[in-house]
Amino acid sequence: MSATQLATLARTSAPQAMLRRFLALDAVVTGTNALAYLAFSGPLGRFLGVDSTLLLALGAFLAAYAAGVGLLAARRQPPTLGVQAVVDMNLAWTAVSLTALVLWLTPSTAGAVWTVLQSLTVAGFAGLQLMALKARQGSSD
C-alpha cells in the first residue's frame, strides 16, 4: 500500500494522525469484540462452537488490551515502542488464532470463518499501524 493509499484510508496525510487513527480504530474494534465476548459468551460460544469460558477469558484479555491501545491512541505522540508492541501483539494474535484453529479448536463452520476473518482483520491493523509508524519516522528525518 502506498503512502497515498494509506493517507486516503486514514483521511489525512499527517503520519501522526494516521497512526493515532489506526490505533483508535483497533481499540474500538477490539473493545467491541471484548464486550460481545463478555456479555454474550454463552450464545456466542454455542454459535461459534467454542467454550463460553474461553470467550469470557478472551473478552477480559481483549478489554484490557483495547484499553491499552486506546490510551496509546489518545496520546499526542504515541511512543514508538508502545506502537511496536501493539503491532507485535496483533501479529502474535493472528498467528495464535490460526494455529489454534488448525491444531486444537473444533469450532462450528461459523466459528472457523470468524476465526479466520478476525485474524485477517487483526493482521490488517498490524500492517496499517506499522506503515503509519514508518511514515511518522520518515517524516521526522
Protein backbone atom coordinates (compact mmCIF):
# COMPACT_ATOMS: atom_id res chain seq x y z
CA MET A 1 0.00 0.00 0.00
CA SER A 2 1.41 3.37 -0.99
CA ALA A 3 1.64 6.36 1.31
CA THR A 4 -1.14 8.00 -0.73
CA GLN A 5 -3.45 5.00 -0.29
CA LEU A 6 -2.61 4.90 3.41
CA ALA A 7 -3.39 8.61 3.77
CA THR A 8 -6.67 8.17 1.90
CA LEU A 9 -7.64 5.31 4.21
CA ALA A 10 -6.84 7.41 7.27
CA ARG A 11 -8.40 10.54 5.66
CA THR A 12 -5.29 12.54 6.46
CA SER A 13 -1.76 12.81 5.12
CA ALA A 14 -0.21 13.59 8.51
CA PRO A 15 1.62 10.43 9.64
CA GLN A 16 0.98 11.18 13.32
CA ALA A 17 -2.77 11.49 12.76
CA MET A 18 -2.82 8.31 10.65
CA LEU A 19 -1.06 6.38 13.37
CA ARG A 20 -3.42 7.61 16.07
CA ARG A 21 -6.48 6.84 13.95
CA PHE A 22 -5.35 3.30 13.19
CA LEU A 23 -4.65 2.73 16.87
CA ALA A 24 -8.05 4.17 17.80
CA LEU A 25 -9.83 2.00 15.23
CA ASP A 26 -8.05 -1.06 16.60
CA ALA A 27 -9.10 -0.11 20.15
CA VAL A 28 -12.74 0.36 19.15
CA VAL A 29 -13.00 -2.89 17.18
CA THR A 30 -11.14 -4.85 19.86
CA GLY A 31 -13.20 -3.30 22.64
CA THR A 32 -16.45 -4.09 20.83
CA ASN A 33 -15.32 -7.68 20.38
CA ALA A 34 -14.37 -7.85 24.07
CA LEU A 35 -17.76 -6.58 25.19
CA ALA A 36 -19.56 -9.06 22.95
CA TYR A 37 -17.50 -11.95 24.33
CA LEU A 38 -18.11 -10.82 27.91
CA ALA A 39 -21.82 -10.09 27.56
CA PHE A 40 -22.82 -12.94 25.25
CA SER A 41 -20.28 -15.68 25.90
CA GLY A 42 -22.99 -18.37 26.17
CA PRO A 43 -24.90 -17.70 22.95
CA LEU A 44 -21.74 -16.78 21.03
CA GLY A 45 -19.98 -19.88 22.32
CA ARG A 46 -22.82 -22.09 21.07
CA PHE A 47 -22.95 -20.29 17.70
CA LEU A 48 -19.18 -20.34 17.18
CA GLY A 49 -18.73 -23.81 18.62
CA VAL A 50 -16.25 -22.76 21.31
CA ASP A 51 -16.34 -22.95 25.08
CA SER A 52 -18.04 -19.95 26.71
CA THR A 53 -15.34 -19.90 29.41
CA LEU A 54 -12.74 -19.39 26.68
CA LEU A 55 -14.78 -16.48 25.31
CA LEU A 56 -15.03 -14.94 28.78
CA ALA A 57 -11.27 -15.17 29.25
CA LEU A 58 -10.63 -13.76 25.78
CA GLY A 59 -13.14 -10.99 26.44
CA ALA A 60 -11.37 -9.96 29.64
CA PHE A 61 -7.98 -10.01 27.90
CA LEU A 62 -9.29 -8.07 24.91
CA ALA A 63 -10.94 -5.45 27.14
CA ALA A 64 -7.63 -4.75 28.87
CA TYR A 65 -5.77 -4.77 25.55
CA ALA A 66 -8.28 -2.40 23.93
CA ALA A 67 -7.92 -0.02 26.87
CA GLY A 68 -4.14 -0.01 26.46
CA VAL A 69 -4.34 0.57 22.71
CA GLY A 70 -6.88 3.31 23.32
CA LEU A 71 -4.54 5.01 25.77
CA LEU A 72 -1.78 4.94 23.14
CA ALA A 73 -4.15 6.39 20.54
CA ALA A 74 -5.11 9.20 22.94
CA ARG A 75 -1.52 10.37 23.30
CA ARG A 76 -0.49 13.27 21.12
CA GLN A 77 2.56 11.29 20.04
CA PRO A 78 2.27 7.58 20.85
CA PRO A 79 5.70 6.20 21.78
CA THR A 80 7.37 4.09 19.12
CA LEU A 81 8.00 1.18 21.50
CA GLY A 82 4.34 1.13 22.55
CA VAL A 83 3.14 1.14 18.95
CA GLN A 84 5.63 -1.56 18.02
CA ALA A 85 4.35 -3.65 20.94
CA VAL A 86 0.79 -3.29 19.59
CA VAL A 87 1.94 -4.35 16.12
CA ASP A 88 3.79 -7.34 17.58
CA MET A 89 0.82 -8.35 19.75
CA ASN A 90 -1.52 -8.10 16.77
CA LEU A 91 0.75 -10.32 14.70
CA ALA A 92 1.04 -12.79 17.60
CA TRP A 93 -2.76 -12.83 17.99
CA THR A 94 -3.09 -13.63 14.29
CA ALA A 95 -0.58 -16.46 14.46
CA VAL A 96 -2.03 -17.97 17.65
CA SER A 97 -5.60 -17.75 16.36
CA LEU A 98 -4.80 -19.53 13.12
CA THR A 99 -2.62 -22.09 14.89
CA ALA A 100 -5.38 -22.79 17.41
CA LEU A 101 -7.85 -23.25 14.58
CA VAL A 102 -5.63 -25.83 12.92
CA LEU A 103 -4.31 -27.65 16.00
CA TRP A 104 -6.80 -27.67 18.83
CA LEU A 105 -10.05 -25.77 18.29
CA THR A 106 -13.01 -27.57 16.72
CA PRO A 107 -15.41 -24.70 16.09
CA SER A 108 -18.59 -24.68 14.05
CA THR A 109 -18.32 -23.52 10.45
CA ALA A 110 -19.29 -20.04 11.62
CA GLY A 111 -16.58 -20.21 14.29
CA ALA A 112 -13.94 -21.24 11.79
CA VAL A 113 -14.93 -18.44 9.42
CA TRP A 114 -14.99 -15.95 12.32
CA THR A 115 -11.53 -17.04 13.47
CA VAL A 116 -10.05 -16.54 10.01
CA LEU A 117 -11.82 -13.19 9.47
CA GLN A 118 -10.82 -11.76 12.83
CA SER A 119 -7.25 -12.96 12.29
CA LEU A 120 -7.07 -11.20 8.93
CA THR A 121 -8.58 -8.05 10.44
CA VAL A 122 -6.03 -8.01 13.26
CA ALA A 123 -3.19 -8.62 10.79
CA GLY A 124 -4.54 -5.73 8.74
CA PHE A 125 -4.43 -3.47 11.80
CA ALA A 126 -0.83 -4.51 12.39
CA GLY A 127 0.10 -3.70 8.80
CA LEU A 128 -1.61 -0.31 8.84
CA GLN A 129 -0.10 0.61 12.19
CA LEU A 130 3.38 -0.42 11.08
CA MET A 131 3.13 1.55 7.84
CA ALA A 132 1.88 4.63 9.70
CA LEU A 133 4.68 4.26 12.26
CA LYS A 134 7.27 4.07 9.48
CA ALA A 135 5.70 7.08 7.74
CA ARG A 136 5.90 9.02 11.00
CA GLN A 137 9.55 8.06 11.46
CA GLY A 138 10.29 9.00 7.85
CA SER A 139 8.66 12.41 8.24
CA SER A 140 10.82 13.24 11.27
CA ASP A 141 14.08 12.58 9.43
